[in-house]
Amino acid sequence: MANQIEAECLVVASEECAELTKECMKILRFGIDDNKRKALIAEIGDVQCMLDLLGDIFKIPSDEILNASIAKREKLKTWSNLVK
C-alpha cells in the first residue's frame, strides 16, 4: 500500500494526465491556436514534472525510464505513423 507521499504523487500525476488529455481533446475538436498551444505546453510541463517526481518518489532509475521510453518508440515504429 502506498504511503501518504506516494499516494499524493499518484493522485496529482493522475490529475495532471487528465488535464493533458482534456487539452489534447480540445485541440482535436476545435483546432489549435496560440492560446491552446500555450495551454498544451503548460499541461505537458505539468505532466513532465509529475513523471519526474514519480520516478524520484518510487526510486525508479532514470535509465529504466529511458529504456521504457525507447521500447515504446520501437513499438510505435511498428504500430503507428508517429515515428519513422
Protein backbone atom coordinates (compact mmCIF):
# COMPACT_ATOMS: atom_id res chain seq x y z
CA MET A 1 0.00 0.00 0.00
CA ALA A 2 1.24 3.48 -0.86
CA ASN A 3 2.29 5.82 1.92
CA GLN A 4 0.89 9.38 2.11
CA ILE A 5 3.55 10.97 -0.13
CA GLU A 6 3.35 8.18 -2.73
CA ALA A 7 -0.44 8.39 -2.76
CA GLU A 8 -0.40 12.17 -3.16
CA CYS A 9 2.05 11.91 -6.03
CA LEU A 10 -0.06 9.25 -7.74
CA VAL A 11 -3.20 11.35 -7.35
CA VAL A 12 -1.62 14.56 -8.63
CA ALA A 13 0.06 12.71 -11.53
CA SER A 14 -3.30 11.18 -12.48
CA GLU A 15 -4.99 14.57 -12.32
CA GLU A 16 -2.30 16.18 -14.48
CA CYS A 17 -2.61 13.38 -17.06
CA ALA A 18 -6.35 14.01 -17.18
CA GLU A 19 -5.77 17.72 -17.73
CA LEU A 20 -3.37 16.95 -20.59
CA THR A 21 -5.97 14.62 -22.06
CA LYS A 22 -8.53 17.43 -21.88
CA GLU A 23 -6.26 19.86 -23.75
CA CYS A 24 -5.50 17.24 -26.41
CA MET A 25 -9.21 16.62 -26.94
CA LYS A 26 -9.92 20.36 -27.23
CA ILE A 27 -7.32 20.62 -29.98
CA LEU A 28 -8.80 17.62 -31.79
CA ARG A 29 -12.28 19.14 -31.59
CA PHE A 30 -11.55 22.80 -32.24
CA GLY A 31 -8.06 23.04 -33.74
CA ILE A 32 -5.02 24.74 -32.33
CA ASP A 33 -4.39 28.44 -31.84
CA ASP A 34 -1.88 30.36 -29.72
CA ASN A 35 -3.91 30.02 -26.52
CA LYS A 36 -4.47 26.29 -26.95
CA ARG A 37 -0.79 25.83 -27.80
CA LYS A 38 0.20 27.63 -24.59
CA ALA A 39 -2.26 25.52 -22.61
CA LEU A 40 -0.86 22.34 -24.21
CA ILE A 41 2.70 23.37 -23.34
CA ALA A 42 1.68 24.09 -19.75
CA GLU A 43 -0.01 20.70 -19.37
CA ILE A 44 2.94 18.86 -20.94
CA GLY A 45 5.19 20.62 -18.44
CA ASP A 46 2.91 19.68 -15.55
CA VAL A 47 2.88 16.03 -16.63
CA GLN A 48 6.65 16.01 -17.13
CA CYS A 49 7.13 17.39 -13.62
CA MET A 50 4.91 14.68 -12.17
CA LEU A 51 6.68 11.96 -14.17
CA ASP A 52 9.98 13.16 -12.72
CA LEU A 53 8.51 13.16 -9.21
CA LEU A 54 7.04 9.68 -9.67
CA GLY A 55 10.49 8.43 -10.65
CA ASP A 56 12.05 10.12 -7.63
CA ILE A 57 9.45 9.02 -5.09
CA PHE A 58 9.29 5.43 -6.31
CA LYS A 59 13.08 5.30 -6.75
CA ILE A 60 12.92 4.39 -10.41
CA PRO A 61 16.31 4.94 -12.05
CA SER A 62 16.22 7.34 -14.98
CA ASP A 63 17.92 4.77 -17.22
CA GLU A 64 14.99 2.37 -16.65
CA ILE A 65 12.54 5.12 -17.60
CA LEU A 66 14.63 5.94 -20.68
CA ASN A 67 14.70 2.26 -21.68
CA ALA A 68 10.90 2.07 -21.33
CA SER A 69 10.57 5.20 -23.47
CA ILE A 70 12.86 3.75 -26.14
CA ALA A 71 10.87 0.50 -26.11
CA LYS A 72 7.66 2.47 -26.65
CA ARG A 73 9.19 4.33 -29.59
CA GLU A 74 10.14 1.00 -31.15
CA LYS A 75 6.55 -0.24 -30.78
CA LEU A 76 5.28 2.97 -32.34
CA LYS A 77 7.50 2.38 -35.37
CA THR A 78 5.51 -0.81 -35.98
CA TRP A 79 2.03 0.21 -34.88
CA SER A 80 1.73 3.89 -35.81
CA ASN A 81 2.91 6.55 -38.21
CA LEU A 82 4.32 8.76 -35.44
CA VAL A 83 7.91 7.50 -35.59
CA LYS A 84 9.82 6.62 -38.74
